[in-house]
Amino acid sequence: MGAPKTHHLVPRYWLNAFAEDGHVVGRWRDGVEHRTRLRGAAAARHFNTDPLAEGERRTVLETYLGDRVDGPAARVSRAIRQGHWPLDEPSQQTLIEALAWQVVRTRAFRAWDEQVGEHLFPPLWATEAVDWVEEHYGRPLTPEQRLQVFNAALRQSPSSSVITDRRMALRSAIRGFERVRSFLSTEERHWVLLQSDRPLLVIGDSGVVLRRRDGTYGTTPPLLSAGSQLLVPLSPQHLLISTTRSHYQPEAALTATLAAKANTGAAHWCQEAVYRLPSMPWPARLRIPGAAPHIQAPVVHARTDDGAHPGTELRHPDVHDPELRSILQQFTGTATEAATGNSERGGPVEP
């Protein structure tokens, strides 16, 4: 049997909780609904395929997700829906890893990563231009000259598309996973499970939702702000929340108001569609925005360096799993990791 060509952005075991007779109902941005088989819901062809490898190595990340992430997480998710809560420590770690992957294995994260790269590429390009000019003339520029070269290069910067690295998105997902796992594992965060006696929740093609402290669902960097909540619709009747707040009561019920917040987030975070249980009506007043999440271009202000503000050293997080390190090494290959500004370069994804 050949390697899978269709990769689920939301694992199939998870979507199955929103299905009846192997189908979900998807609603797209234009308001049109389609009854969809699970195998085609929240999926994309070759999403995790290594474009530069052959044979089984082409789908090494998709195989890892299926065997090492989705299999164990399916058992934990089923146990939660069956009433096993709170979880023991090993099960909670399995859940955290699965949810950290869910943040980064979607079109939403890939689009975010690409937009960050597009916005940060010009100033990084301009910084490289200053270094090139100094090297070319064999002498350091004055602070005023450095600023002049930087601003000129910034105005003339090409698109980030000049950097061709077809594996960058795959590396970004792995490094993003490590950051999100650390974010979800901090001592300040705790988990709350809310349940309803009737279906109330939908699920977007991103699976999870990040809700900021001010109640918005935007993706502007930093993606993981310290007070953000992670909303996880495990089924139409189960909402899991990772939060730093203490106002949720243990064993609290999932109310229509709380479900509406999660559903609004699912609509904001989706890239293409939101899915519901076929026998459940579409939630009243829930609208899918006309466009996917978009990051506004930043305004760049440059000034001469007076030495009072030391620069920040950007470094990748450590990858702890040896198998995942091996996969990352495959995706690194011989491509030059130029300064494109994507989240794999450092800070934007950090809390």
C-alpha atoms as a PDB file:
ATOM      1  CA  MET A   1       0.000   0.000   0.000  1.00  0.00           C
ATOM      2  CA  GLY A   2       1.327   3.433  -0.935  1.00  0.00           C
ATOM      3  CA  ALA A   3       1.904   6.292   1.466  1.00  0.00           C
ATOM      4  CA  PRO A   4      -1.196   8.337   2.286  1.00  0.00           C
ATOM      5  CA  LYS A   5      -1.703  11.330  -0.003  1.00  0.00           C
ATOM      6  CA  THR A   6      -4.545  12.911   1.995  1.00  0.00           C
ATOM      7  CA  HIS A   7      -3.455  14.217   5.398  1.00  0.00           C
ATOM      8  CA  HIS A   8      -5.976  15.105   8.085  1.00  0.00           C
ATOM      9  CA  LEU A   9      -5.461  18.550   9.599  1.00  0.00           C
ATOM     10  CA  VAL A  10      -7.840  17.529  12.381  1.00  0.00           C
ATOM     11  CA  PRO A  11      -7.290  13.829  13.197  1.00  0.00           C
ATOM     12  CA  ARG A  12      -9.989  11.505  11.989  1.00  0.00           C
ATOM     13  CA  TYR A  13     -10.577  10.025  15.467  1.00  0.00           C
ATOM     14  CA  TRP A  14     -11.426  13.536  16.673  1.00  0.00           C
ATOM     15  CA  LEU A  15     -13.732  14.386  13.781  1.00  0.00           C
ATOM     16  CA  ASN A  16     -15.532  11.094  14.377  1.00  0.00           C
ATOM     17  CA  ALA A  17     -16.944  12.553  17.623  1.00  0.00           C
ATOM     18  CA  PHE A  18     -18.804  15.092  15.440  1.00  0.00           C
ATOM     19  CA  ALA A  19     -19.989  12.525  12.890  1.00  0.00           C
ATOM     20  CA  GLU A  20     -23.001  10.350  12.281  1.00  0.00           C
ATOM     21  CA  ASP A  21     -22.833   7.397   9.883  1.00  0.00           C
ATOM     22  CA  GLY A  22     -19.308   8.439   8.924  1.00  0.00           C
ATOM     23  CA  HIS A  23     -20.347  11.956   7.850  1.00  0.00           C
ATOM     24  CA  VAL A  24     -20.159  15.498   9.167  1.00  0.00           C
ATOM     25  CA  VAL A  25     -21.804  18.612   7.773  1.00  0.00           C
ATOM     26  CA  GLY A  26     -19.354  21.302   6.742  1.00  0.00           C
ATOM     27  CA  ARG A  27     -20.194  24.964   6.240  1.00  0.00           C
ATOM     28  CA  TRP A  28     -17.923  27.111   4.055  1.00  0.00           C
ATOM     29  CA  ARG A  29     -17.329  30.859   4.075  1.00  0.00           C
ATOM     30  CA  ASP A  30     -20.003  31.498   1.462  1.00  0.00           C
ATOM     31  CA  GLY A  31     -22.589  29.881   3.763  1.00  0.00           C
ATOM     32  CA  VAL A  32     -22.975  26.756   1.642  1.00  0.00           C
ATOM     33  CA  GLU A  33     -23.167  23.474   3.560  1.00  0.00           C
ATOM     34  CA  HIS A  34     -22.080  20.039   2.371  1.00  0.00           C
ATOM     35  CA  ARG A  35     -22.523  16.634   3.954  1.00  0.00           C
ATOM     36  CA  THR A  36     -18.956  15.337   3.958  1.00  0.00           C
ATOM     37  CA  ARG A  37     -17.355  11.947   4.518  1.00  0.00           C
ATOM     38  CA  LEU A  38     -14.818  11.893   7.338  1.00  0.00           C
ATOM     39  CA  ARG A  39     -11.999  10.952   5.006  1.00  0.00           C
ATOM     40  CA  GLY A  40     -12.389  14.270   3.174  1.00  0.00           C
ATOM     41  CA  ALA A  41     -13.156  16.579   6.092  1.00  0.00           C
ATOM     42  CA  ALA A  42     -10.468  18.978   7.382  1.00  0.00           C
ATOM     43  CA  ALA A  43      -7.895  17.343   5.117  1.00  0.00           C
ATOM     44  CA  ALA A  44      -5.379  18.365   2.467  1.00  0.00           C
ATOM     45  CA  ARG A  45      -3.383  16.396  -0.054  1.00  0.00           C
ATOM     46  CA  HIS A  46       0.338  16.034   0.701  1.00  0.00           C
ATOM     47  CA  PHE A  47       0.164  18.632   3.479  1.00  0.00           C
ATOM     48  CA  ASN A  48       3.020  17.007   5.462  1.00  0.00           C
ATOM     49  CA  THR A  49       4.817  15.410   2.519  1.00  0.00           C
ATOM     50  CA  ASP A  50       8.545  16.069   2.189  1.00  0.00           C
ATOM     51  CA  PRO A  51       8.823  17.393  -1.387  1.00  0.00           C
ATOM     52  CA  LEU A  52      12.514  16.489  -1.659  1.00  0.00           C
ATOM     53  CA  ALA A  53      12.449  12.877  -0.403  1.00  0.00           C
ATOM     54  CA  GLU A  54      11.529   9.556  -1.969  1.00  0.00           C
ATOM     55  CA  GLY A  55       9.626   6.471  -0.807  1.00  0.00           C
ATOM     56  CA  GLU A  56       8.574   6.187   2.826  1.00  0.00           C
ATOM     57  CA  ARG A  57      10.715   9.183   3.757  1.00  0.00           C
ATOM     58  CA  ARG A  58       8.290  11.429   1.897  1.00  0.00           C
ATOM     59  CA  THR A  59       5.593  10.962   4.551  1.00  0.00           C
ATOM     60  CA  VAL A  60       7.780  10.492   7.610  1.00  0.00           C
ATOM     61  CA  LEU A  61       6.088  13.338   9.513  1.00  0.00           C
ATOM     62  CA  GLU A  62       2.562  12.182   8.658  1.00  0.00           C
ATOM     63  CA  THR A  63       3.498   8.660   9.775  1.00  0.00           C
ATOM     64  CA  TYR A  64       4.915  10.045  13.027  1.00  0.00           C
ATOM     65  CA  LEU A  65       1.713  11.983  13.704  1.00  0.00           C
ATOM     66  CA  GLY A  66      -0.447   8.946  13.060  1.00  0.00           C
ATOM     67  CA  ASP A  67       1.573   6.475  15.127  1.00  0.00           C
ATOM     68  CA  ARG A  68       3.085   8.552  17.914  1.00  0.00           C
ATOM     69  CA  VAL A  69       0.498  11.318  18.381  1.00  0.00           C
ATOM     70  CA  ASP A  70      -2.967  10.407  17.089  1.00  0.00           C
ATOM     71  CA  GLY A  71      -3.038   6.779  18.235  1.00  0.00           C
ATOM     72  CA  PRO A  72      -2.317   7.497  21.936  1.00  0.00           C
ATOM     73  CA  ALA A  73      -4.407  10.710  21.889  1.00  0.00           C
ATOM     74  CA  ALA A  74      -7.448   8.866  20.521  1.00  0.00           C
ATOM     75  CA  ARG A  75      -7.483   6.627  23.602  1.00  0.00           C
ATOM     76  CA  VAL A  76      -7.183   9.592  25.960  1.00  0.00           C
ATOM     77  CA  SER A  77      -9.896  11.552  24.166  1.00  0.00           C
ATOM     78  CA  ARG A  78     -12.262   8.593  24.267  1.00  0.00           C
ATOM     79  CA  ALA A  79     -11.590   8.130  28.006  1.00  0.00           C
ATOM     80  CA  ILE A  80     -12.418  11.793  28.673  1.00  0.00           C
ATOM     81  CA  ARG A  81     -15.715  11.544  26.792  1.00  0.00           C
ATOM     82  CA  GLN A  82     -16.523   8.422  28.802  1.00  0.00           C
ATOM     83  CA  GLY A  83     -16.138  10.300  32.084  1.00  0.00           C
ATOM     84  CA  HIS A  84     -12.524   9.643  33.077  1.00  0.00           C
ATOM     85  CA  TRP A  85     -11.530  13.033  34.434  1.00  0.00           C
ATOM     86  CA  PRO A  86      -9.194  14.371  35.750  1.00  0.00           C
ATOM     87  CA  LEU A  87      -6.461  12.526  33.903  1.00  0.00           C
ATOM     88  CA  ASP A  88      -3.437  10.816  35.377  1.00  0.00           C
ATOM     89  CA  GLU A  89      -0.053  12.357  34.610  1.00  0.00           C
ATOM     90  CA  PRO A  90       0.899  10.161  31.607  1.00  0.00           C
ATOM     91  CA  SER A  91      -2.493  10.697  29.985  1.00  0.00           C
ATOM     92  CA  GLN A  92      -2.288  14.440  30.551  1.00  0.00           C
ATOM     93  CA  GLN A  93       1.131  14.568  28.877  1.00  0.00           C
ATOM     94  CA  THR A  94      -0.272  12.623  25.925  1.00  0.00           C
ATOM     95  CA  LEU A  95      -3.114  15.135  25.708  1.00  0.00           C
ATOM     96  CA  ILE A  96      -0.771  18.144  25.915  1.00  0.00           C
ATOM     97  CA  GLU A  97       1.422  16.812  23.127  1.00  0.00           C
ATOM     98  CA  ALA A  98      -1.576  16.115  20.894  1.00  0.00           C
ATOM     99  CA  LEU A  99      -3.002  19.598  21.453  1.00  0.00           C
ATOM    100  CA  ALA A 100       0.385  21.251  20.908  1.00  0.00           C
ATOM    101  CA  TRP A 101       0.571  19.472  17.571  1.00  0.00           C
ATOM    102  CA  GLN A 102      -2.975  20.534  16.784  1.00  0.00           C
ATOM    103  CA  VAL A 103      -1.997  24.188  16.961  1.00  0.00           C
ATOM    104  CA  VAL A 104       0.777  23.739  14.374  1.00  0.00           C
ATOM    105  CA  ARG A 105      -0.452  21.000  12.009  1.00  0.00           C
ATOM    106  CA  THR A 106      -3.098  23.124  10.303  1.00  0.00           C
ATOM    107  CA  ARG A 107      -3.485  25.585   7.456  1.00  0.00           C
ATOM    108  CA  ALA A 108      -4.079  28.306  10.057  1.00  0.00           C
ATOM    109  CA  PHE A 109      -0.589  27.945  11.541  1.00  0.00           C
ATOM    110  CA  ARG A 110       1.046  27.579   8.143  1.00  0.00           C
ATOM    111  CA  ALA A 111      -0.677  30.754   6.920  1.00  0.00           C
ATOM    112  CA  TRP A 112       0.351  32.555  10.116  1.00  0.00           C
ATOM    113  CA  ASP A 113       3.937  31.433   9.706  1.00  0.00           C
ATOM    114  CA  GLU A 114       4.017  32.565   6.081  1.00  0.00           C
ATOM    115  CA  GLN A 115       2.516  35.963   6.908  1.00  0.00           C
ATOM    116  CA  VAL A 116       5.039  36.550   9.689  1.00  0.00           C
ATOM    117  CA  GLY A 117       7.789  35.725   7.220  1.00  0.00           C
ATOM    118  CA  GLU A 118       6.399  38.095   4.604  1.00  0.00           C
ATOM    119  CA  HIS A 119       6.216  40.972   7.088  1.00  0.00           C
ATOM    120  CA  LEU A 120       9.614  40.447   8.725  1.00  0.00           C
ATOM    121  CA  PHE A 121      11.591  39.627   5.592  1.00  0.00           C
ATOM    122  CA  PRO A 122      12.109  43.294   4.495  1.00  0.00           C
ATOM    123  CA  PRO A 123      13.755  44.514   7.750  1.00  0.00           C
ATOM    124  CA  LEU A 124      15.858  41.360   7.956  1.00  0.00           C
ATOM    125  CA  TRP A 125      16.868  41.823   4.332  1.00  0.00           C
ATOM    126  CA  ALA A 126      17.782  45.447   5.087  1.00  0.00           C
ATOM    127  CA  THR A 127      19.888  44.374   8.072  1.00  0.00           C
ATOM    128  CA  GLU A 128      21.805  41.956   5.845  1.00  0.00           C
ATOM    129  CA  ALA A 129      22.283  44.766   3.344  1.00  0.00           C
ATOM    130  CA  VAL A 130      24.017  46.915   5.972  1.00  0.00           C
ATOM    131  CA  ASP A 131      26.420  44.070   6.774  1.00  0.00           C
ATOM    132  CA  TRP A 132      27.083  43.512   3.047  1.00  0.00           C
ATOM    133  CA  VAL A 133      27.909  47.165   2.453  1.00  0.00           C
ATOM    134  CA  GLU A 134      30.361  47.194   5.359  1.00  0.00           C
ATOM    135  CA  GLU A 135      32.016  44.039   4.074  1.00  0.00           C
ATOM    136  CA  HIS A 136      32.128  45.376   0.519  1.00  0.00           C
ATOM    137  CA  TYR A 137      33.888  48.607   1.548  1.00  0.00           C
ATOM    138  CA  GLY A 138      36.042  46.921   4.162  1.00  0.00           C
ATOM    139  CA  ARG A 139      35.203  49.361   6.923  1.00  0.00           C
ATOM    140  CA  PRO A 140      32.418  49.964   9.427  1.00  0.00           C
ATOM    141  CA  LEU A 141      29.789  52.554   8.583  1.00  0.00           C
ATOM    142  CA  THR A 142      28.890  55.373  10.914  1.00  0.00           C
ATOM    143  CA  PRO A 143      25.560  54.986  12.747  1.00  0.00           C
ATOM    144  CA  GLU A 144      24.013  57.542  10.399  1.00  0.00           C
ATOM    145  CA  GLN A 145      25.307  55.696   7.331  1.00  0.00           C
ATOM    146  CA  ARG A 146      24.034  52.367   8.649  1.00  0.00           C
ATOM    147  CA  LEU A 147      20.595  53.883   9.129  1.00  0.00           C
ATOM    148  CA  GLN A 148      20.670  55.373   5.633  1.00  0.00           C
ATOM    149  CA  VAL A 149      21.595  52.036   4.024  1.00  0.00           C
ATOM    150  CA  PHE A 150      19.000  50.199   6.106  1.00  0.00           C
ATOM    151  CA  ASN A 151      16.148  52.509   5.073  1.00  0.00           C
ATOM    152  CA  ALA A 152      17.152  52.387   1.413  1.00  0.00           C
ATOM    153  CA  ALA A 153      17.295  48.572   1.440  1.00  0.00           C
ATOM    154  CA  LEU A 154      14.002  48.402   3.314  1.00  0.00           C
ATOM    155  CA  ARG A 155      12.262  50.391   0.558  1.00  0.00           C
ATOM    156  CA  GLN A 156      13.767  48.191  -2.154  1.00  0.00           C
ATOM    157  CA  SER A 157      13.356  44.828  -0.454  1.00  0.00           C
ATOM    158  CA  PRO A 158      12.041  42.042  -2.692  1.00  0.00           C
ATOM    159  CA  SER A 159       9.305  39.636  -1.667  1.00  0.00           C
ATOM    160  CA  SER A 160      10.191  36.802   0.687  1.00  0.00           C
ATOM    161  CA  SER A 161       9.425  34.493  -2.239  1.00  0.00           C
ATOM    162  CA  VAL A 162      13.032  35.006  -3.406  1.00  0.00           C
ATOM    163  CA  ILE A 163      13.948  32.450  -0.743  1.00  0.00           C
ATOM    164  CA  THR A 164      12.995  29.021  -2.061  1.00  0.00           C
ATOM    165  CA  ASP A 165      12.877  26.520   0.788  1.00  0.00           C
ATOM    166  CA  ARG A 166      10.191  23.917   0.223  1.00  0.00           C
ATOM    167  CA  ARG A 167      10.780  22.269   3.600  1.00  0.00           C
ATOM    168  CA  MET A 168      10.549  25.385   5.736  1.00  0.00           C
ATOM    169  CA  ALA A 169       6.867  24.874   6.633  1.00  0.00           C
ATOM    170  CA  LEU A 170       7.616  21.360   7.892  1.00  0.00           C
ATOM    171  CA  ARG A 171      10.498  22.561  10.067  1.00  0.00           C
ATOM    172  CA  SER A 172       8.363  25.402  11.396  1.00  0.00           C
ATOM    173  CA  ALA A 173       5.671  22.951  12.504  1.00  0.00           C
ATOM    174  CA  ILE A 174       8.151  20.847  14.496  1.00  0.00           C
ATOM    175  CA  ARG A 175       9.763  23.850  16.161  1.00  0.00           C
ATOM    176  CA  GLY A 176       6.375  25.425  16.758  1.00  0.00           C
ATOM    177  CA  PHE A 177       5.222  22.210  18.445  1.00  0.00           C
ATOM    178  CA  GLU A 178       8.054  22.459  20.980  1.00  0.00           C
ATOM    179  CA  ARG A 179       7.085  26.044  21.824  1.00  0.00           C
ATOM    180  CA  VAL A 180       3.382  25.283  22.172  1.00  0.00           C
ATOM    181  CA  ARG A 181       4.051  22.250  24.346  1.00  0.00           C
ATOM    182  CA  SER A 182       6.138  24.409  26.692  1.00  0.00           C
ATOM    183  CA  PHE A 183       3.361  27.009  26.711  1.00  0.00           C
ATOM    184  CA  LEU A 184       0.709  24.428  27.667  1.00  0.00           C
ATOM    185  CA  SER A 185       2.927  22.823  30.314  1.00  0.00           C
ATOM    186  CA  THR A 186       3.592  25.884  32.475  1.00  0.00           C
ATOM    187  CA  GLU A 187       2.601  25.678  36.137  1.00  0.00           C
ATOM    188  CA  GLU A 188       0.291  28.691  35.781  1.00  0.00           C
ATOM    189  CA  ARG A 189      -2.023  26.807  33.422  1.00  0.00           C
ATOM    190  CA  HIS A 190      -4.701  24.314  34.405  1.00  0.00           C
ATOM    191  CA  TRP A 191      -7.306  22.281  32.555  1.00  0.00           C
ATOM    192  CA  VAL A 192     -11.068  22.582  32.856  1.00  0.00           C
ATOM    193  CA  LEU A 193     -13.591  20.183  31.317  1.00  0.00           C
ATOM    194  CA  LEU A 194     -17.127  21.481  30.688  1.00  0.00           C
ATOM    195  CA  GLN A 195     -19.949  19.156  29.618  1.00  0.00           C
ATOM    196  CA  SER A 196     -23.461  19.561  28.280  1.00  0.00           C
ATOM    197  CA  ASP A 197     -26.395  17.161  28.127  1.00  0.00           C
ATOM    198  CA  ARG A 198     -27.055  18.132  24.496  1.00  0.00           C
ATOM    199  CA  PRO A 199     -24.913  18.945  21.434  1.00  0.00           C
ATOM    200  CA  LEU A 200     -23.771  22.578  21.445  1.00  0.00           C
ATOM    201  CA  LEU A 201     -20.318  22.677  19.865  1.00  0.00           C
ATOM    202  CA  VAL A 202     -18.983  22.795  16.327  1.00  0.00           C
ATOM    203  CA  ILE A 203     -15.377  22.246  15.256  1.00  0.00           C
ATOM    204  CA  GLY A 204     -13.346  24.224  12.739  1.00  0.00           C
ATOM    205  CA  ASP A 205     -10.713  22.843  10.385  1.00  0.00           C
ATOM    206  CA  SER A 206      -8.095  24.092  12.871  1.00  0.00           C
ATOM    207  CA  GLY A 207      -9.513  21.908  15.643  1.00  0.00           C
ATOM    208  CA  VAL A 208      -8.475  24.140  18.546  1.00  0.00           C
ATOM    209  CA  VAL A 209      -8.978  27.852  19.196  1.00  0.00           C
ATOM    210  CA  LEU A 210      -6.786  30.428  20.934  1.00  0.00           C
ATOM    211  CA  ARG A 211      -8.821  33.097  22.716  1.00  0.00           C
ATOM    212  CA  ARG A 212      -7.009  36.138  24.060  1.00  0.00           C
ATOM    213  CA  ARG A 213      -7.632  37.709  27.436  1.00  0.00           C
ATOM    214  CA  ASP A 214      -9.578  40.555  25.814  1.00  0.00           C
ATOM    215  CA  GLY A 215     -12.003  38.059  24.245  1.00  0.00           C
ATOM    216  CA  THR A 216     -10.649  38.293  20.692  1.00  0.00           C
ATOM    217  CA  TYR A 217      -9.469  35.443  18.484  1.00  0.00           C
ATOM    218  CA  GLY A 218      -6.862  37.228  16.381  1.00  0.00           C
ATOM    219  CA  THR A 219      -3.569  35.695  15.285  1.00  0.00           C
ATOM    220  CA  THR A 220      -1.379  38.796  15.496  1.00  0.00           C
ATOM    221  CA  PRO A 221       2.023  37.966  17.045  1.00  0.00           C
ATOM    222  CA  PRO A 222       2.705  36.870  19.625  1.00  0.00           C
ATOM    223  CA  LEU A 223       0.477  33.941  18.764  1.00  0.00           C
ATOM    224  CA  LEU A 224       0.701  32.585  22.307  1.00  0.00           C
ATOM    225  CA  SER A 225       0.183  35.456  24.708  1.00  0.00           C
ATOM    226  CA  ALA A 226       0.515  34.530  28.376  1.00  0.00           C
ATOM    227  CA  GLY A 227      -3.170  34.967  29.198  1.00  0.00           C
ATOM    228  CA  SER A 228      -4.548  33.175  26.145  1.00  0.00           C
ATOM    229  CA  GLN A 229      -6.974  30.322  26.608  1.00  0.00           C
ATOM    230  CA  LEU A 230      -6.882  27.196  24.472  1.00  0.00           C
ATOM    231  CA  LEU A 231     -10.438  26.059  23.688  1.00  0.00           C
ATOM    232  CA  VAL A 232     -10.761  22.434  22.625  1.00  0.00           C
ATOM    233  CA  PRO A 233     -14.148  21.080  21.450  1.00  0.00           C
ATOM    234  CA  LEU A 234     -13.617  17.364  22.065  1.00  0.00           C
ATOM    235  CA  SER A 235     -17.157  16.536  20.996  1.00  0.00           C
ATOM    236  CA  PRO A 236     -20.434  18.417  20.492  1.00  0.00           C
ATOM    237  CA  GLN A 237     -20.933  18.073  24.272  1.00  0.00           C
ATOM    238  CA  HIS A 238     -17.401  18.340  25.720  1.00  0.00           C
ATOM    239  CA  LEU A 239     -15.314  21.527  25.857  1.00  0.00           C
ATOM    240  CA  LEU A 240     -11.786  21.345  27.263  1.00  0.00           C
ATOM    241  CA  ILE A 241     -10.082  24.601  28.263  1.00  0.00           C
ATOM    242  CA  SER A 242      -6.443  25.326  29.069  1.00  0.00           C
ATOM    243  CA  THR A 243      -6.411  28.550  31.083  1.00  0.00           C
ATOM    244  CA  THR A 244      -4.561  30.611  33.659  1.00  0.00           C
ATOM    245  CA  ARG A 245      -7.834  31.899  35.109  1.00  0.00           C
ATOM    246  CA  SER A 246      -9.536  30.511  38.189  1.00  0.00           C
ATOM    247  CA  HIS A 247     -13.197  31.450  37.694  1.00  0.00           C
ATOM    248  CA  TYR A 248     -14.217  28.091  36.193  1.00  0.00           C
ATOM    249  CA  GLN A 249     -15.725  25.724  38.740  1.00  0.00           C
ATOM    250  CA  PRO A 250     -14.854  22.002  38.730  1.00  0.00           C
ATOM    251  CA  GLU A 251     -17.581  19.881  37.164  1.00  0.00           C
ATOM    252  CA  ALA A 252     -19.203  23.035  35.758  1.00  0.00           C
ATOM    253  CA  ALA A 253     -21.737  22.639  32.991  1.00  0.00           C
ATOM    254  CA  LEU A 254     -21.138  23.722  29.426  1.00  0.00           C
ATOM    255  CA  THR A 255     -23.628  26.545  28.970  1.00  0.00           C
ATOM    256  CA  ALA A 256     -24.931  27.923  25.699  1.00  0.00           C
ATOM    257  CA  THR A 257     -22.993  31.144  26.389  1.00  0.00           C
ATOM    258  CA  LEU A 258     -19.669  29.346  26.803  1.00  0.00           C
ATOM    259  CA  ALA A 259     -20.386  27.156  23.793  1.00  0.00           C
ATOM    260  CA  ALA A 260     -21.055  30.281  21.729  1.00  0.00           C
ATOM    261  CA  LYS A 261     -17.587  31.622  22.616  1.00  0.00           C
ATOM    262  CA  ALA A 262     -15.932  28.384  21.514  1.00  0.00           C
ATOM    263  CA  ASN A 263     -18.018  28.255  18.343  1.00  0.00           C
ATOM    264  CA  THR A 264     -17.178  31.864  17.495  1.00  0.00           C
ATOM    265  CA  GLY A 265     -13.514  30.995  17.895  1.00  0.00           C
ATOM    266  CA  ALA A 266     -13.884  27.961  15.632  1.00  0.00           C
ATOM    267  CA  ALA A 267     -15.405  30.200  12.955  1.00  0.00           C
ATOM    268  CA  HIS A 268     -12.620  32.796  13.301  1.00  0.00           C
ATOM    269  CA  TRP A 269      -9.780  30.257  13.267  1.00  0.00           C
ATOM    270  CA  CYS A 270     -10.972  28.134  10.365  1.00  0.00           C
ATOM    271  CA  GLN A 271      -9.284  28.420   6.993  1.00  0.00           C
ATOM    272  CA  GLU A 272     -12.026  26.881   4.878  1.00  0.00           C
ATOM    273  CA  ALA A 273     -14.857  25.254   6.824  1.00  0.00           C
ATOM    274  CA  VAL A 274     -16.537  24.573  10.156  1.00  0.00           C
ATOM    275  CA  TYR A 275     -18.092  21.152  10.830  1.00  0.00           C
ATOM    276  CA  ARG A 276     -21.077  20.059  12.902  1.00  0.00           C
ATOM    277  CA  LEU A 277     -22.946  16.942  13.892  1.00  0.00           C
ATOM    278  CA  PRO A 278     -25.493  16.262  11.102  1.00  0.00           C
ATOM    279  CA  SER A 279     -28.426  16.066  13.539  1.00  0.00           C
ATOM    280  CA  MET A 280     -27.382  19.283  15.313  1.00  0.00           C
ATOM    281  CA  PRO A 281     -28.688  22.575  13.872  1.00  0.00           C
ATOM    282  CA  TRP A 282     -26.209  25.278  12.943  1.00  0.00           C
ATOM    283  CA  PRO A 283     -25.840  27.531  16.030  1.00  0.00           C
ATOM    284  CA  ALA A 284     -28.000  30.617  15.921  1.00  0.00           C
ATOM    285  CA  ARG A 285     -26.177  33.878  15.097  1.00  0.00           C
ATOM    286  CA  LEU A 286     -22.897  32.062  14.356  1.00  0.00           C
ATOM    287  CA  ARG A 287     -21.241  33.552  11.277  1.00  0.00           C
ATOM    288  CA  ILE A 288     -18.007  32.570   9.574  1.00  0.00           C
ATOM    289  CA  PRO A 289     -15.931  35.687   8.742  1.00  0.00           C
ATOM    290  CA  GLY A 290     -15.497  36.444   5.073  1.00  0.00           C
ATOM    291  CA  ALA A 291     -11.728  35.929   5.174  1.00  0.00           C
ATOM    292  CA  ALA A 292      -9.254  33.719   6.999  1.00  0.00           C
ATOM    293  CA  PRO A 293      -7.185  35.248   9.855  1.00  0.00           C
ATOM    294  CA  HIS A 294      -4.891  37.949   8.536  1.00  0.00           C
ATOM    295  CA  ILE A 295      -1.903  39.708  10.120  1.00  0.00           C
ATOM    296  CA  GLN A 296      -1.634  43.398   9.363  1.00  0.00           C
ATOM    297  CA  ALA A 297       1.751  44.564   8.144  1.00  0.00           C
ATOM    298  CA  PRO A 298       3.791  46.191  10.928  1.00  0.00           C
ATOM    299  CA  VAL A 299       5.159  49.707  10.698  1.00  0.00           C
ATOM    300  CA  VAL A 300       8.969  49.559  10.931  1.00  0.00           C
ATOM    301  CA  HIS A 301      10.845  52.370  12.661  1.00  0.00           C
ATOM    302  CA  ALA A 302      14.655  52.247  12.615  1.00  0.00           C
ATOM    303  CA  ARG A 303      17.038  54.313  14.710  1.00  0.00           C
ATOM    304  CA  THR A 304      20.761  54.412  15.320  1.00  0.00           C
ATOM    305  CA  ASP A 305      22.098  52.027  17.953  1.00  0.00           C
ATOM    306  CA  ASP A 306      23.332  53.816  21.047  1.00  0.00           C
ATOM    307  CA  GLY A 307      24.450  50.550  22.657  1.00  0.00           C
ATOM    308  CA  ALA A 308      21.969  50.853  25.510  1.00  0.00           C
ATOM    309  CA  HIS A 309      19.666  48.145  24.231  1.00  0.00           C
ATOM    310  CA  PRO A 310      21.479  44.861  23.580  1.00  0.00           C
ATOM    311  CA  GLY A 311      20.048  42.718  20.820  1.00  0.00           C
ATOM    312  CA  THR A 312      18.087  39.557  21.444  1.00  0.00           C
ATOM    313  CA  GLU A 313      19.724  36.302  20.420  1.00  0.00           C
ATOM    314  CA  LEU A 314      17.245  34.157  18.514  1.00  0.00           C
ATOM    315  CA  ARG A 315      17.528  30.407  18.916  1.00  0.00           C
ATOM    316  CA  HIS A 316      15.432  27.396  18.148  1.00  0.00           C
ATOM    317  CA  PRO A 317      13.897  25.376  20.992  1.00  0.00           C
ATOM    318  CA  ASP A 318      15.455  22.015  21.759  1.00  0.00           C
ATOM    319  CA  VAL A 319      13.709  19.034  20.174  1.00  0.00           C
ATOM    320  CA  HIS A 320      13.572  16.363  22.882  1.00  0.00           C
ATOM    321  CA  ASP A 321      12.216  13.359  20.998  1.00  0.00           C
ATOM    322  CA  PRO A 322      15.075  11.553  19.156  1.00  0.00           C
ATOM    323  CA  GLU A 323      12.706  10.407  16.399  1.00  0.00           C
ATOM    324  CA  LEU A 324      11.443  13.942  15.914  1.00  0.00           C
ATOM    325  CA  ARG A 325      15.027  15.260  15.882  1.00  0.00           C
ATOM    326  CA  SER A 326      15.785  12.787  13.118  1.00  0.00           C
ATOM    327  CA  ILE A 327      12.781  14.012  11.114  1.00  0.00           C
ATOM    328  CA  LEU A 328      13.859  17.630  11.616  1.00  0.00           C
ATOM    329  CA  GLN A 329      17.338  16.754  10.391  1.00  0.00           C
ATOM    330  CA  GLN A 330      15.816  15.260   7.244  1.00  0.00           C
ATOM    331  CA  PHE A 331      13.883  18.475   6.643  1.00  0.00           C
ATOM    332  CA  THR A 332      16.983  20.596   7.226  1.00  0.00           C
ATOM    333  CA  GLY A 333      19.001  18.915   4.499  1.00  0.00           C
ATOM    334  CA  THR A 334      21.354  21.219   2.630  1.00  0.00           C
ATOM    335  CA  ALA A 335      18.941  24.122   2.183  1.00  0.00           C
ATOM    336  CA  THR A 336      20.171  27.448   3.472  1.00  0.00           C
ATOM    337  CA  GLU A 337      18.021  28.643   6.361  1.00  0.00           C
ATOM    338  CA  ALA A 338      18.074  32.286   5.329  1.00  0.00           C
ATOM    339  CA  ALA A 339      16.577  35.043   7.436  1.00  0.00           C
ATOM    340  CA  THR A 340      12.974  34.902   6.264  1.00  0.00           C
ATOM    341  CA  GLY A 341      11.326  35.948   9.514  1.00  0.00           C
ATOM    342  CA  ASN A 342       9.222  32.799   9.897  1.00  0.00           C
ATOM    343  CA  SER A 343       8.366  31.515  13.364  1.00  0.00           C
ATOM    344  CA  GLU A 344      11.177  28.966  13.108  1.00  0.00           C
ATOM    345  CA  ARG A 345      13.582  31.892  13.290  1.00  0.00           C
ATOM    346  CA  GLY A 346      12.746  32.698  16.881  1.00  0.00           C
ATOM    347  CA  GLY A 347      10.392  34.822  18.879  1.00  0.00           C
ATOM    348  CA  PRO A 348       6.975  35.472  17.267  1.00  0.00           C
ATOM    349  CA  VAL A 349       5.346  32.248  18.445  1.00  0.00           C
ATOM    350  CA  GLU A 350       6.607  32.526  22.001  1.00  0.00           C
ATOM    351  CA  PRO A 351       4.308  33.484  24.883  1.00  0.00           C
END
